[in-house]
């Protein structure tokens, strides 16, 4: 006999752009998001009995995403996602959980004639600010994050002392290029209500700014003994900077840049201390992950 053991549904890839106009300052700002909203609850019979009377149409979910973006602030994204999720629980008694994810795409204000332009922006990277929120009748779980923050340093990275056996060809190195896409998330202590979250709303922007700065500063300044050691140090510092955060997770792909032996061409030296020309690798790549929690 078959049973429905889990079910959720909703609208994905809803693209939203909101313009905020500051008439007093004569400036505008933009926030572009991709939103996903999935609902859970007493919806089994829509699957098992073809009874749609419990289904809030995904088109209605899409419309609600737009309407709530008009009615409420969309920054920080953690607040907007929580307001959106709470709406579905308040409006539909048979819905028990709303999972909302928000990806905020990067728009940076242009500088023209050495002055910030009042209403023009540029996309200066694929980095995103992310928020994942699960709203239930027991509380609000919030996970914030940064993704696709591409960084590279041309020295200041080592890797040696690792296991060597019959499968090992990788040479040890005391100086190498290190590049990665920073993918960091931090999970907040559960908020009991939307009102409790609103009381702490200022912590979300600060934590994001601190986490981003910590990742960049640690990456740049540390003579890294390994990706593992560097990411643990990043996580420790994020926990120190954000008291409301319960745990930090990092995933760092090691984007390899290999030296090219050019000695075959007239004895040209391009390895070790003479290396200047490298071959960037699209794959395979190392992938290192960790989660660091408060003790």
Protein backbone atom coordinates (compact mmCIF):
# COMPACT_ATOMS: atom_id res chain seq x y z
CA UNK A 1 0.00 0.00 0.00
CA UNK A 2 1.27 3.46 -0.91
CA UNK A 3 1.07 6.47 1.40
CA UNK A 4 1.93 10.11 0.83
CA UNK A 5 4.79 10.67 3.28
CA UNK A 6 5.67 14.29 2.37
CA UNK A 7 4.28 16.99 0.14
CA UNK A 8 4.86 20.64 -0.63
CA UNK A 9 4.16 22.84 -3.60
CA UNK A 10 4.31 26.47 -4.66
CA UNK A 11 5.87 28.92 -7.09
CA UNK A 12 9.54 29.04 -8.02
CA UNK A 13 11.69 31.48 -9.98
CA UNK A 14 9.45 34.49 -9.37
CA UNK A 15 11.50 37.49 -10.44
CA UNK A 16 10.79 40.74 -8.61
CA UNK A 17 12.37 44.18 -8.91
CA UNK A 18 11.38 46.93 -6.49
CA UNK A 19 12.37 50.59 -6.92
CA UNK A 20 12.60 52.75 -3.83
CA UNK A 21 12.36 56.48 -4.53
CA UNK A 22 13.77 58.89 -1.96
CA UNK A 23 12.14 62.15 -3.02
CA UNK A 24 13.92 64.22 -0.35
CA UNK A 25 17.38 63.05 -1.39
CA UNK A 26 16.54 62.89 -5.10
CA UNK A 27 17.89 59.34 -5.35
CA UNK A 28 16.51 55.91 -6.16
CA UNK A 29 17.60 52.40 -5.24
CA UNK A 30 16.68 49.03 -6.71
CA UNK A 31 16.35 45.54 -5.27
CA UNK A 32 16.09 42.60 -7.68
CA UNK A 33 15.11 39.23 -6.26
CA UNK A 34 14.29 35.70 -7.32
CA UNK A 35 11.72 34.22 -4.94
CA UNK A 36 10.55 30.66 -4.28
CA UNK A 37 7.59 29.98 -1.97
CA UNK A 38 6.47 26.43 -1.08
CA UNK A 39 3.51 25.52 1.15
CA UNK A 40 2.86 22.51 3.38
CA UNK A 41 -0.16 21.45 5.40
CA UNK A 42 -3.38 19.50 5.06
CA UNK A 43 -3.07 19.14 1.30
CA UNK A 44 -2.90 15.34 1.02
CA UNK A 45 -6.23 14.89 -0.75
CA UNK A 46 -5.12 17.05 -3.66
CA UNK A 47 -2.55 14.30 -4.36
CA UNK A 48 -4.40 11.17 -3.27
CA UNK A 49 -8.03 11.98 -4.13
CA UNK A 50 -7.63 14.58 -6.94
CA UNK A 51 -9.48 17.07 -4.70
CA UNK A 52 -8.21 20.59 -5.39
CA UNK A 53 -10.34 22.29 -2.72
CA UNK A 54 -7.25 22.59 -0.47
CA UNK A 55 -4.96 24.03 -3.16
CA UNK A 56 -3.96 27.68 -3.10
CA UNK A 57 -3.12 28.06 -6.79
CA UNK A 58 0.54 28.65 -7.53
CA UNK A 59 -0.54 31.63 -9.65
CA UNK A 60 -2.13 33.10 -6.49
CA UNK A 61 1.15 32.50 -4.64
CA UNK A 62 2.98 34.39 -7.39
CA UNK A 63 0.54 37.30 -7.14
CA UNK A 64 0.94 37.36 -3.35
CA UNK A 65 4.73 37.61 -3.74
CA UNK A 66 4.26 40.77 -5.82
CA UNK A 67 1.60 42.27 -3.56
CA UNK A 68 3.61 41.77 -0.37
CA UNK A 69 6.63 43.33 -2.09
CA UNK A 70 4.48 46.39 -2.77
CA UNK A 71 2.97 46.53 0.72
CA UNK A 72 6.13 45.90 2.77
CA UNK A 73 9.88 46.54 2.69
CA UNK A 74 11.88 43.96 0.75
CA UNK A 75 15.05 44.73 2.70
CA UNK A 76 16.41 42.95 4.54
CA UNK A 77 15.32 39.83 2.62
CA UNK A 78 14.95 37.88 5.86
CA UNK A 79 12.16 40.25 6.93
CA UNK A 80 10.36 40.17 3.57
CA UNK A 81 10.49 36.36 3.43
CA UNK A 82 9.13 36.11 6.97
CA UNK A 83 6.27 38.53 6.26
CA UNK A 84 5.40 36.57 3.10
CA UNK A 85 5.48 33.20 4.84
CA UNK A 86 3.45 34.43 7.81
CA UNK A 87 0.77 35.72 5.43
CA UNK A 88 0.02 32.21 4.17
CA UNK A 89 -0.31 30.79 7.68
CA UNK A 90 -2.54 33.68 8.80
CA UNK A 91 -4.74 33.48 5.69
CA UNK A 92 -5.15 29.71 5.24
CA UNK A 93 -5.78 27.67 8.42
CA UNK A 94 -4.97 24.38 6.69
CA UNK A 95 -1.44 25.55 5.76
CA UNK A 96 1.06 24.63 8.48
CA UNK A 97 4.37 25.74 6.98
CA UNK A 98 5.69 28.13 4.36
CA UNK A 99 9.23 27.81 3.03
CA UNK A 100 10.42 31.00 1.36
CA UNK A 101 13.79 31.51 -0.29
CA UNK A 102 14.94 34.88 -1.60
CA UNK A 103 18.00 35.43 -3.79
CA UNK A 104 18.98 39.10 -4.03
CA UNK A 105 20.97 39.93 -7.17
CA UNK A 106 23.75 42.48 -7.04
CA UNK A 107 23.19 45.98 -8.37
CA UNK A 108 25.88 48.53 -7.45
CA UNK A 109 25.36 52.26 -7.81
CA UNK A 110 27.41 53.80 -10.65
CA UNK A 111 29.98 56.48 -9.94
CA UNK A 112 29.88 59.14 -12.68
CA UNK A 113 32.17 62.18 -12.63
CA UNK A 114 33.44 60.99 -9.22
CA UNK A 115 29.91 61.11 -7.75
CA UNK A 116 27.40 58.34 -6.97
CA UNK A 117 24.75 58.49 -9.67
CA UNK A 118 21.23 58.99 -8.26
CA UNK A 119 19.51 56.27 -10.33
CA UNK A 120 22.02 54.23 -12.39
CA UNK A 121 23.52 50.86 -11.42
CA UNK A 122 25.87 48.17 -12.72
CA UNK A 123 26.14 44.42 -12.21
CA UNK A 124 29.73 44.07 -10.97
CA UNK A 125 29.61 40.36 -10.17
CA UNK A 126 27.33 37.33 -9.84
CA UNK A 127 27.43 37.43 -6.04
CA UNK A 128 24.04 37.10 -4.35
CA UNK A 129 22.66 37.70 -0.89
CA UNK A 130 20.35 34.86 0.13
CA UNK A 131 17.71 34.23 2.75
CA UNK A 132 15.83 31.00 3.48
CA UNK A 133 12.92 31.20 5.90
CA UNK A 134 10.62 28.49 7.24
CA UNK A 135 7.52 29.84 8.94
CA UNK A 136 5.45 27.43 11.06
CA UNK A 137 3.01 27.85 13.89
CA UNK A 138 5.87 27.07 16.29
CA UNK A 139 8.18 29.83 15.10
CA UNK A 140 10.36 31.20 12.29
CA UNK A 141 13.63 29.58 11.25
CA UNK A 142 15.96 31.88 9.31
CA UNK A 143 19.13 31.08 7.38
CA UNK A 144 21.05 33.93 5.75
CA UNK A 145 23.87 33.68 3.26
CA UNK A 146 26.27 34.84 0.59
CA UNK A 147 26.86 32.91 -2.64
CA UNK A 148 29.03 33.22 -5.76
CA UNK A 149 31.49 35.67 -4.19
CA UNK A 150 34.43 34.90 -6.49
CA UNK A 151 37.85 35.63 -4.99
CA UNK A 152 41.46 34.93 -5.99
CA UNK A 153 44.88 35.62 -4.55
CA UNK A 154 48.08 35.01 -6.49
CA UNK A 155 50.18 33.99 -3.46
CA UNK A 156 49.73 33.40 0.27
CA UNK A 157 48.42 29.83 0.06
CA UNK A 158 50.11 26.53 0.89
CA UNK A 159 49.19 22.85 0.88
CA UNK A 160 51.59 20.25 2.24
CA UNK A 161 51.77 17.44 4.78
CA UNK A 162 48.72 15.61 3.38
CA UNK A 163 48.41 11.83 2.99
CA UNK A 164 50.81 10.40 0.42
CA UNK A 165 50.31 6.87 -0.86
CA UNK A 166 50.16 4.87 -4.08
CA UNK A 167 47.29 7.05 -5.38
CA UNK A 168 49.04 10.40 -4.85
CA UNK A 169 50.53 12.45 -7.69
CA UNK A 170 49.89 15.95 -6.32
CA UNK A 171 53.14 17.66 -5.28
CA UNK A 172 53.33 19.57 -2.02
CA UNK A 173 53.48 23.34 -2.35
CA UNK A 174 54.40 26.24 -0.08
CA UNK A 175 53.13 28.89 -2.54
CA UNK A 176 50.18 28.65 -4.91
CA UNK A 177 47.26 30.56 -6.41
CA UNK A 178 44.10 30.21 -4.35
CA UNK A 179 40.67 30.95 -5.84
CA UNK A 180 37.18 30.06 -4.69
CA UNK A 181 33.50 31.02 -4.82
CA UNK A 182 32.57 31.89 -1.25
CA UNK A 183 29.30 30.16 -0.36
CA UNK A 184 28.51 30.92 3.27
CA UNK A 185 25.30 30.50 5.25
CA UNK A 186 24.52 31.24 8.89
CA UNK A 187 21.51 29.90 10.78
CA UNK A 188 19.84 32.10 13.36
CA UNK A 189 18.36 31.00 16.66
CA UNK A 190 14.65 30.38 16.00
CA UNK A 191 12.36 33.41 16.36
CA UNK A 192 9.15 32.69 18.28
CA UNK A 193 6.98 35.12 16.26
CA UNK A 194 7.15 37.64 13.44
CA UNK A 195 7.05 40.40 16.07
CA UNK A 196 10.12 38.90 17.78
CA UNK A 197 11.95 38.83 14.44
CA UNK A 198 11.05 42.46 13.74
CA UNK A 199 12.59 43.48 17.07
CA UNK A 200 15.95 42.11 15.87
CA UNK A 201 15.65 43.17 12.23
CA UNK A 202 18.76 45.37 12.29
CA UNK A 203 20.92 42.32 13.03
CA UNK A 204 20.38 40.86 9.54
CA UNK A 205 22.13 43.60 7.55
CA UNK A 206 24.94 43.87 10.10
CA UNK A 207 25.57 40.12 10.08
CA UNK A 208 25.64 40.05 6.28
CA UNK A 209 28.10 42.95 6.10
CA UNK A 210 30.27 41.46 8.86
CA UNK A 211 30.27 37.99 7.30
CA UNK A 212 31.21 39.34 3.88
CA UNK A 213 34.01 41.50 5.29
CA UNK A 214 35.31 38.66 7.47
CA UNK A 215 35.45 36.24 4.53
CA UNK A 216 37.28 38.76 2.34
CA UNK A 217 39.72 39.93 5.04
CA UNK A 218 40.57 36.42 6.25
CA UNK A 219 41.02 35.15 2.70
CA UNK A 220 43.31 38.05 1.79
CA UNK A 221 45.42 38.30 4.92
CA UNK A 222 46.00 34.70 6.03
CA UNK A 223 48.93 32.71 4.65
CA UNK A 224 46.53 29.83 4.22
CA UNK A 225 47.81 26.37 5.25
CA UNK A 226 44.71 24.80 3.66
CA UNK A 227 41.20 25.69 2.58
CA UNK A 228 39.94 23.73 5.60
CA UNK A 229 41.89 25.81 8.13
CA UNK A 230 40.95 29.11 6.48
CA UNK A 231 37.22 28.36 6.33
CA UNK A 232 37.16 27.30 9.99
CA UNK A 233 38.75 30.62 10.96
CA UNK A 234 36.14 32.48 8.87
CA UNK A 235 33.32 30.60 10.61
CA UNK A 236 34.69 31.29 14.09
CA UNK A 237 34.88 35.01 13.39
CA UNK A 238 31.34 35.16 11.97
CA UNK A 239 30.01 33.51 15.14
CA UNK A 240 31.89 36.08 17.23
CA UNK A 241 30.43 38.96 15.21
CA UNK A 242 26.80 37.75 15.23
CA UNK A 243 25.54 36.72 18.69
CA UNK A 244 22.12 35.70 17.34
CA UNK A 245 23.61 33.14 14.95
CA UNK A 246 23.61 29.50 16.08
CA UNK A 247 25.83 27.98 13.36
CA UNK A 248 27.82 28.88 10.27
CA UNK A 249 28.29 26.71 7.18
CA UNK A 250 30.82 27.25 4.42
CA UNK A 251 31.32 25.54 1.08
CA UNK A 252 34.47 26.52 -0.83
CA UNK A 253 35.34 25.00 -4.21
CA UNK A 254 39.08 25.04 -4.81
CA UNK A 255 39.38 26.50 -8.33
CA UNK A 256 42.70 25.18 -9.57
CA UNK A 257 45.30 27.14 -11.53
CA UNK A 258 48.02 24.80 -12.76
CA UNK A 259 51.57 25.73 -13.64
CA UNK A 260 52.52 25.05 -17.25
CA UNK A 261 55.90 23.47 -17.94
CA UNK A 262 57.29 25.40 -20.92
CA UNK A 263 60.83 24.06 -20.68
CA UNK A 264 60.28 22.15 -23.93
CA UNK A 265 60.38 25.51 -25.72
CA UNK A 266 63.98 26.74 -25.67
CA UNK A 267 64.33 25.88 -21.98
CA UNK A 268 61.73 28.53 -20.99
CA UNK A 269 61.32 28.52 -17.19
CA UNK A 270 57.71 28.67 -15.97
CA UNK A 271 57.48 26.45 -12.87
CA UNK A 272 58.11 26.99 -9.18
CA UNK A 273 59.43 30.48 -8.42
CA UNK A 274 59.57 31.21 -12.16
CA UNK A 275 55.87 30.50 -12.78
CA UNK A 276 53.96 33.39 -14.36
CA UNK A 277 51.61 31.75 -16.86
CA UNK A 278 48.98 29.34 -15.50
CA UNK A 279 46.18 27.24 -16.96
CA UNK A 280 42.85 27.91 -15.17
CA UNK A 281 40.87 24.68 -14.72
CA UNK A 282 37.10 24.50 -15.13
CA UNK A 283 36.97 21.05 -13.49
CA UNK A 284 37.41 18.81 -11.69
CA UNK A 285 37.85 20.93 -8.58
CA UNK A 286 38.21 20.35 -4.87
CA UNK A 287 35.12 21.05 -2.75
CA UNK A 288 35.52 21.63 0.97
CA UNK A 289 32.57 22.10 3.37
CA UNK A 290 32.11 22.58 7.09
CA UNK A 291 29.56 23.65 9.68
CA UNK A 292 30.73 25.37 12.85
CA UNK A 293 28.29 25.67 15.78
CA UNK A 294 28.41 27.20 19.21
CA UNK A 295 29.64 24.78 21.87
